[in-house]
Structures are given as structure tokens and as C-alpha cells.
C-alpha atoms as a PDB file:
ATOM      1  CA  MET A   1     126.120  66.853  92.382  1.00  0.00           C
ATOM      2  CA  ALA A   2     126.725  63.231  93.312  1.00  0.00           C
ATOM      3  CA  ASP A   3     130.319  62.225  93.976  1.00  0.00           C
ATOM      4  CA  LEU A   4     130.555  58.915  92.117  1.00  0.00           C
ATOM      5  CA  GLU A   5     134.276  58.573  92.813  1.00  0.00           C
ATOM      6  CA  LYS A   6     133.786  58.845  96.571  1.00  0.00           C
ATOM      7  CA  THR A   7     130.734  56.581  96.426  1.00  0.00           C
ATOM      8  CA  GLY A   8     132.627  53.945  94.463  1.00  0.00           C
ATOM      9  CA  LYS A   9     135.590  53.915  96.836  1.00  0.00           C
ATOM     10  CA  ASN A  10     133.330  53.626  99.868  1.00  0.00           C
ATOM     11  CA  LEU A  11     131.343  50.804  98.269  1.00  0.00           C
ATOM     12  CA  GLU A  12     134.591  48.977  97.523  1.00  0.00           C
ATOM     13  CA  GLY A  13     135.712  49.531 101.110  1.00  0.00           C
ATOM     14  CA  ARG A  14     132.555  47.745 102.242  1.00  0.00           C
ATOM     15  CA  GLY A  15     133.223  44.734 100.011  1.00  0.00           C
ATOM     16  CA  PHE A  16     131.135  45.519  96.931  1.00  0.00           C
ATOM     17  CA  ARG A  17     132.634  45.056  93.458  1.00  0.00           C
ATOM     18  CA  VAL A  18     132.278  48.405  91.717  1.00  0.00           C
ATOM     19  CA  HIS A  19     132.225  49.187  87.990  1.00  0.00           C
ATOM     20  CA  ARG A  20     131.985  52.777  86.724  1.00  0.00           C
ATOM     21  CA  PHE A  21     130.606  53.857  83.357  1.00  0.00           C
ATOM     22  CA  ALA A  22     129.943  57.213  81.741  1.00  0.00           C
ATOM     23  CA  SER A  23     126.636  56.142  80.189  1.00  0.00           C
ATOM     24  CA  GLY A  24     123.832  53.650  80.395  1.00  0.00           C
ATOM     25  CA  ALA A  25     124.814  52.322  76.964  1.00  0.00           C
ATOM     26  CA  GLU A  26     128.269  51.413  78.281  1.00  0.00           C
ATOM     27  CA  ALA A  27     126.762  49.745  81.340  1.00  0.00           C
ATOM     28  CA  ALA A  28     124.379  47.767  79.117  1.00  0.00           C
ATOM     29  CA  GLU A  29     127.265  46.553  76.968  1.00  0.00           C
ATOM     30  CA  PHE A  30     129.161  45.471  80.094  1.00  0.00           C
ATOM     31  CA  LEU A  31     126.156  43.438  81.272  1.00  0.00           C
ATOM     32  CA  VAL A  32     125.700  41.745  77.910  1.00  0.00           C
ATOM     33  CA  GLN A  33     129.411  40.871  77.680  1.00  0.00           C
ATOM     34  CA  THR A  34     129.679  39.729  81.314  1.00  0.00           C
ATOM     35  CA  LEU A  35     126.446  37.780  81.692  1.00  0.00           C
ATOM     36  CA  HIS A  36     126.285  34.838  79.328  1.00  0.00           C
ATOM     37  CA  GLY A  37     125.502  31.170  79.767  1.00  0.00           C
ATOM     38  CA  THR A  38     123.679  31.645  83.060  1.00  0.00           C
ATOM     39  CA  GLY A  39     120.227  31.958  84.562  1.00  0.00           C
ATOM     40  CA  ILE A  40     119.302  35.584  85.233  1.00  0.00           C
ATOM     41  CA  GLY A  41     116.511  36.886  87.413  1.00  0.00           C
ATOM     42  CA  ILE A  42     115.510  40.526  86.996  1.00  0.00           C
ATOM     43  CA  GLY A  43     113.652  42.506  89.614  1.00  0.00           C
ATOM     44  CA  GLY A  44     111.153  45.199  88.726  1.00  0.00           C
ATOM     45  CA  SER A  45     113.338  48.075  87.560  1.00  0.00           C
ATOM     46  CA  VAL A  46     112.766  51.092  85.371  1.00  0.00           C
ATOM     47  CA  THR A  47     116.559  51.414  85.201  1.00  0.00           C
ATOM     48  CA  ILE A  48     117.021  47.936  83.713  1.00  0.00           C
ATOM     49  CA  ASP A  49     114.104  48.510  81.349  1.00  0.00           C
ATOM     50  CA  THR A  50     115.695  51.785  80.195  1.00  0.00           C
ATOM     51  CA  LEU A  51     118.975  49.996  79.427  1.00  0.00           C
ATOM     52  CA  ASP A  52     117.063  47.826  76.921  1.00  0.00           C
ATOM     53  CA  VAL A  53     119.147  44.728  77.683  1.00  0.00           C
ATOM     54  CA  TYR A  54     116.417  42.111  78.121  1.00  0.00           C
ATOM     55  CA  ASP A  55     116.336  40.799  74.537  1.00  0.00           C
ATOM     56  CA  ARG A  56     120.120  40.838  74.272  1.00  0.00           C
ATOM     57  CA  LEU A  57     120.514  38.934  77.540  1.00  0.00           C
ATOM     58  CA  CYS A  58     117.960  36.363  76.340  1.00  0.00           C
ATOM     59  CA  GLU A  59     120.228  35.485  73.401  1.00  0.00           C
ATOM     60  CA  SER A  60     122.723  33.646  75.624  1.00  0.00           C
ATOM     61  CA  ASN A  61     120.947  33.205  78.955  1.00  0.00           C
ATOM     62  CA  GLU A  62     117.745  31.917  80.498  1.00  0.00           C
ATOM     63  CA  VAL A  63     116.117  35.124  81.778  1.00  0.00           C
ATOM     64  CA  PHE A  64     113.235  35.427  84.240  1.00  0.00           C
ATOM     65  CA  TRP A  65     111.539  38.813  84.453  1.00  0.00           C
ATOM     66  CA  HIS A  66     107.917  39.232  85.497  1.00  0.00           C
ATOM     67  CA  TRP A  67     107.685  42.454  83.475  1.00  0.00           C
ATOM     68  CA  LYS A  68     108.193  40.400  80.297  1.00  0.00           C
ATOM     69  CA  ASN A  69     106.766  37.023  81.316  1.00  0.00           C
ATOM     70  CA  HIS A  70     103.641  37.293  83.465  1.00  0.00           C
ATOM     71  CA  ALA A  71     103.487  33.612  84.452  1.00  0.00           C
ATOM     72  CA  PRO A  72     102.871  33.262  88.211  1.00  0.00           C
ATOM     73  CA  GLU A  73     106.112  31.369  88.800  1.00  0.00           C
ATOM     74  CA  THR A  74     108.380  33.933  87.115  1.00  0.00           C
ATOM     75  CA  ARG A  75     109.127  35.931  90.283  1.00  0.00           C
ATOM     76  CA  GLU A  76     110.039  32.769  92.176  1.00  0.00           C
ATOM     77  CA  ARG A  77     112.268  31.470  89.381  1.00  0.00           C
ATOM     78  CA  ALA A  78     113.957  34.876  89.143  1.00  0.00           C
ATOM     79  CA  GLY A  79     114.846  34.756  92.821  1.00  0.00           C
ATOM     80  CA  LYS A  80     116.387  31.296  92.426  1.00  0.00           C
ATOM     81  CA  ALA A  81     118.456  32.171  89.343  1.00  0.00           C
ATOM     82  CA  GLU A  82     122.242  32.090  89.520  1.00  0.00           C
ATOM     83  CA  THR A  83     122.442  35.834  88.831  1.00  0.00           C
ATOM     84  CA  TYR A  84     120.077  38.590  89.959  1.00  0.00           C
ATOM     85  CA  LEU A  85     119.901  41.967  88.238  1.00  0.00           C
ATOM     86  CA  CYS A  86     118.093  45.112  89.365  1.00  0.00           C
ATOM     87  CA  SER A  87     118.753  48.641  90.604  1.00  0.00           C
ATOM     88  CA  ALA A  88     118.708  50.472  93.923  1.00  0.00           C
ATOM     89  CA  ASN A  89     116.423  53.252  95.128  1.00  0.00           C
ATOM     90  CA  GLY A  90     119.164  55.086  96.961  1.00  0.00           C
ATOM     91  CA  VAL A  91     122.899  54.812  97.600  1.00  0.00           C
ATOM     92  CA  SER A  92     124.792  56.947 100.064  1.00  0.00           C
ATOM     93  CA  GLU A  93     128.197  58.396  99.271  1.00  0.00           C
ATOM     94  CA  ASN A  94     129.297  56.437 102.368  1.00  0.00           C
ATOM     95  CA  GLY A  95     128.518  53.192 100.511  1.00  0.00           C
ATOM     96  CA  GLU A  96     125.185  52.119 102.009  1.00  0.00           C
ATOM     97  CA  ILE A  97     122.557  50.793  99.587  1.00  0.00           C
ATOM     98  CA  VAL A  98     118.802  51.263 100.108  1.00  0.00           C
ATOM     99  CA  ASN A  99     116.000  49.411  98.351  1.00  0.00           C
ATOM    100  CA  ILE A 100     112.275  49.685  98.943  1.00  0.00           C
ATOM    101  CA  ASP A 101     109.703  47.161  97.750  1.00  0.00           C
ATOM    102  CA  GLY A 102     106.030  46.315  97.897  1.00  0.00           C
ATOM    103  CA  PHE A 103     105.889  42.683  96.796  1.00  0.00           C
ATOM    104  CA  GLY A 104     109.236  41.785  98.349  1.00  0.00           C
ATOM    105  CA  ASN A 105     110.676  39.712  95.512  1.00  0.00           C
ATOM    106  CA  ARG A 106     113.159  42.369  94.422  1.00  0.00           C
ATOM    107  CA  VAL A 107     114.726  42.905  97.835  1.00  0.00           C
ATOM    108  CA  ALA A 108     114.638  39.155  98.546  1.00  0.00           C
ATOM    109  CA  GLY A 109     116.503  38.448  95.296  1.00  0.00           C
ATOM    110  CA  THR A 110     119.380  40.671  96.376  1.00  0.00           C
ATOM    111  CA  ILE A 111     119.718  39.135  99.834  1.00  0.00           C
ATOM    112  CA  TYR A 112     119.567  35.351  99.490  1.00  0.00           C
ATOM    113  CA  GLY A 113     119.447  32.814  96.686  1.00  0.00           C
ATOM    114  CA  PRO A 114     121.549  33.998  93.736  1.00  0.00           C
ATOM    115  CA  GLU A 115     125.309  33.503  93.571  1.00  0.00           C
ATOM    116  CA  ARG A 116     125.807  36.912  91.968  1.00  0.00           C
ATOM    117  CA  VAL A 117     123.945  40.210  92.248  1.00  0.00           C
ATOM    118  CA  PHE A 118     124.323  43.160  89.878  1.00  0.00           C
ATOM    119  CA  LEU A 119     122.820  46.535  90.809  1.00  0.00           C
ATOM    120  CA  VAL A 120     122.831  49.293  88.191  1.00  0.00           C
ATOM    121  CA  VAL A 121     122.801  52.725  89.828  1.00  0.00           C
ATOM    122  CA  GLY A 122     122.462  56.035  87.999  1.00  0.00           C
ATOM    123  CA  ARG A 123     123.966  59.207  89.492  1.00  0.00           C
ATOM    124  CA  ASN A 124     120.460  60.440  90.394  1.00  0.00           C
ATOM    125  CA  LYS A 125     120.249  57.662  93.021  1.00  0.00           C
ATOM    126  CA  ILE A 126     123.279  58.910  94.987  1.00  0.00           C
ATOM    127  CA  ALA A 127     122.655  60.800  98.242  1.00  0.00           C
ATOM    128  CA  PRO A 128     125.183  62.345 100.640  1.00  0.00           C
ATOM    129  CA  ASP A 129     124.401  59.974 103.517  1.00  0.00           C
ATOM    130  CA  LEU A 130     122.176  57.110 104.635  1.00  0.00           C
ATOM    131  CA  THR A 131     119.407  59.449 105.817  1.00  0.00           C
ATOM    132  CA  GLY A 132     119.356  61.026 102.358  1.00  0.00           C
ATOM    133  CA  ALA A 133     119.325  57.635 100.617  1.00  0.00           C
ATOM    134  CA  ILE A 134     116.355  56.485 102.710  1.00  0.00           C
ATOM    135  CA  ASP A 135     114.599  59.792 102.110  1.00  0.00           C
ATOM    136  CA  ARG A 136     115.161  59.384  98.384  1.00  0.00           C
ATOM    137  CA  ALA A 137     113.713  55.859  98.407  1.00  0.00           C
ATOM    138  CA  ARG A 138     110.609  56.902 100.353  1.00  0.00           C
ATOM    139  CA  ASN A 139     109.918  60.333  98.889  1.00  0.00           C
ATOM    140  CA  ILE A 140     111.112  60.093  95.283  1.00  0.00           C
ATOM    141  CA  ALA A 141     111.316  56.482  94.098  1.00  0.00           C
ATOM    142  CA  ALA A 142     108.231  55.109  95.859  1.00  0.00           C
ATOM    143  CA  PRO A 143     105.819  57.891  94.788  1.00  0.00           C
ATOM    144  CA  LEU A 144     107.044  57.747  91.178  1.00  0.00           C
ATOM    145  CA  ASN A 145     106.629  53.969  91.096  1.00  0.00           C
ATOM    146  CA  ALA A 146     103.177  54.213  92.689  1.00  0.00           C
ATOM    147  CA  ARG A 147     102.139  56.645  89.938  1.00  0.00           C
ATOM    148  CA  ARG A 148     103.649  54.424  87.246  1.00  0.00           C
ATOM    149  CA  LEU A 149     101.586  51.521  88.562  1.00  0.00           C
ATOM    150  CA  ASN A 150      98.401  53.644  88.811  1.00  0.00           C
ATOM    151  CA  ARG A 151      98.094  52.996  92.528  1.00  0.00           C
ATOM    152  CA  HIS A 152      95.600  54.956  94.619  1.00  0.00           C
ATOM    153  CA  THR A 153      97.984  55.794  97.449  1.00  0.00           C
ATOM    154  CA  PRO A 154      98.355  59.287  98.956  1.00  0.00           C
ATOM    155  CA  CYS A 155     101.825  59.639  97.414  1.00  0.00           C
ATOM    156  CA  ALA A 156     100.500  58.779  93.945  1.00  0.00           C
ATOM    157  CA  VAL A 157      97.326  60.853  93.865  1.00  0.00           C
ATOM    158  CA  GLY A 158      98.462  63.735  96.084  1.00  0.00           C
ATOM    159  CA  GLU A 159     101.734  65.296  97.078  1.00  0.00           C
ATOM    160  CA  PRO A 160     104.536  62.993  95.849  1.00  0.00           C
ATOM    161  CA  ARG A 161     106.063  62.149  99.216  1.00  0.00           C
ATOM    162  CA  CYS A 162     105.627  59.369 101.749  1.00  0.00           C
ATOM    163  CA  HIS A 163     102.502  59.854 103.875  1.00  0.00           C
ATOM    164  CA  ASP A 164     103.270  56.747 105.959  1.00  0.00           C
ATOM    165  CA  CYS A 165      99.969  55.346 104.719  1.00  0.00           C
ATOM    166  CA  ARG A 166      98.457  51.938 105.438  1.00  0.00           C
ATOM    167  CA  SER A 167      97.018  51.493 101.961  1.00  0.00           C
ATOM    168  CA  PRO A 168      96.821  47.926 100.613  1.00  0.00           C
ATOM    169  CA  GLU A 169      98.103  49.380  97.299  1.00  0.00           C
ATOM    170  CA  LYS A 170     101.305  50.606  98.942  1.00  0.00           C
ATOM    171  CA  VAL A 171     104.530  49.918  96.993  1.00  0.00           C
ATOM    172  CA  CYS A 172     106.885  50.459  99.927  1.00  0.00           C
ATOM    173  CA  GLY A 173     106.070  47.885 102.585  1.00  0.00           C
ATOM    174  CA  VAL A 174     109.645  46.576 102.843  1.00  0.00           C
ATOM    175  CA  MET A 175     112.961  48.416 102.982  1.00  0.00           C
ATOM    176  CA  THR A 176     116.478  46.982 103.021  1.00  0.00           C
ATOM    177  CA  VAL A 177     119.770  48.668 103.845  1.00  0.00           C
ATOM    178  CA  PHE A 178     123.009  47.017 102.776  1.00  0.00           C
ATOM    179  CA  PHE A 179     125.985  47.977 104.896  1.00  0.00           C
ATOM    180  CA  MET A 180     128.024  45.171 103.303  1.00  0.00           C
ATOM    181  CA  PRO A 181     127.200  42.360 100.870  1.00  0.00           C
ATOM    182  CA  PRO A 182     125.347  39.416 102.439  1.00  0.00           C
ATOM    183  CA  THR A 183     127.755  36.544 103.091  1.00  0.00           C
ATOM    184  CA  SER A 184     125.450  34.219 101.129  1.00  0.00           C
ATOM    185  CA  ILE A 185     126.156  36.138  97.888  1.00  0.00           C
ATOM    186  CA  LYS A 186     129.469  35.168  96.256  1.00  0.00           C
ATOM    187  CA  GLU A 187     129.736  38.318  94.118  1.00  0.00           C
ATOM    188  CA  PHE A 188     127.868  41.564  94.730  1.00  0.00           C
ATOM    189  CA  HIS A 189     128.456  44.055  91.912  1.00  0.00           C
ATOM    190  CA  VAL A 190     127.428  47.714  91.873  1.00  0.00           C
ATOM    191  CA  ILE A 191     127.499  49.424  88.486  1.00  0.00           C
ATOM    192  CA  LEU A 192     127.715  53.202  88.892  1.00  0.00           C
ATOM    193  CA  VAL A 193     126.617  55.212  85.861  1.00  0.00           C
ATOM    194  CA  ASP A 194     127.315  58.922  85.395  1.00  0.00           C
ATOM    195  CA  GLU A 195     123.855  59.431  83.924  1.00  0.00           C
ATOM    196  CA  ASP A 196     120.351  59.721  85.399  1.00  0.00           C
ATOM    197  CA  LEU A 197     118.629  56.332  85.210  1.00  0.00           C
ATOM    198  CA  GLY A 198     115.247  55.213  86.545  1.00  0.00           C
ATOM    199  CA  TYR A 199     113.542  56.539  89.663  1.00  0.00           C
END
């Protein structure tokens, strides 16, 4: 069982702003109330999609999400928005955050460009340590996303684990580990939810 209290304290000790909620519905309400009158970029995220906040955020913000608007420039505009919203693929109880990406826009949007970053993290993403968080990203999140996208990678069509493949359809070409927030980001928020969310 993930220790959200320990994880939250360790994230705070590393400089992240932590918010804890019992449910995804509470986290969604927090986002809607907190994010208004701004430009918001959203990275590919089953977690954010599950929260069903897109339409509500659009009521008072300019929102760029390539899952909803397939225009070629949407990813670029999302990365240049004032606020960036997505999830993480793994978070250690020690406070390290792991994200894995194929296109690169999602990890780029959390590193440089936006003034604020918000990551929504369900309890299923928490691992005891950094090795476990990386393992989770490679062997749980990546295979599930490859299957969702109907990719023909070994992890999607065979055993759901990383085969360290060289497939051009690979969804895990880039991995980031946050030990602390990047100094270019003014506010880096981590929303911990005591509920399973996303992959």
C-alpha cells in the first residue's frame, strides 16, 4: 500500500507544492477552482482524461490539448502555455518523480516553458523507491499506453513489460526523473490522490 503521507512530505522537502485529496473528483474540483483566466497546456494523460476536467477548464481558460484538438500546432502551443497539466508515470515515496514519453512534448512541458506545472498522481503511481518508480514507468505505464494506442511493440502485443525494443512505434523513448523542481518553473504542484488513476 502506497504511503501518501510519507510521499507528500518528501515531495515537499524537495521543493514541490503538494496537495492531497481523497478522490479524483476532489482533485478535479481543485483544478477547476485554481486554474482560471490562464492558458493551459495538457499533456497526453489518461489520468487527466479520467478527471473529466477539460470542458470545465475551457469555460474560463484557453486550453491546448492534442487529444481534443488535433491541429498540428496544439502540442507546441500547449508547451508554451502559462500552466501545464499532466500526470506522472511513477513517484517514489522518497519524492522523486518519473515520466516516460515517446513524442517528448509531455516531458518537455514539465521541464521548461510554463510558469506553473500541475501533476495529478493517483496512489497506484507511488512506488517505494526510485528503482520501483522507474520500473513502474517502463513495465506498467508504457505497455498499457502502447496497447491503448494500438502500437505493434513487443510490450503491446506480447508480455506487458519493457523488452528494450528499438521499434519506431515505441512510446518510451524519453524518460525524465525530477529530484527537485526545475528552477525555470515558478510553481511545481503535485496533486496526490488516494484513488487509482490512469496508468
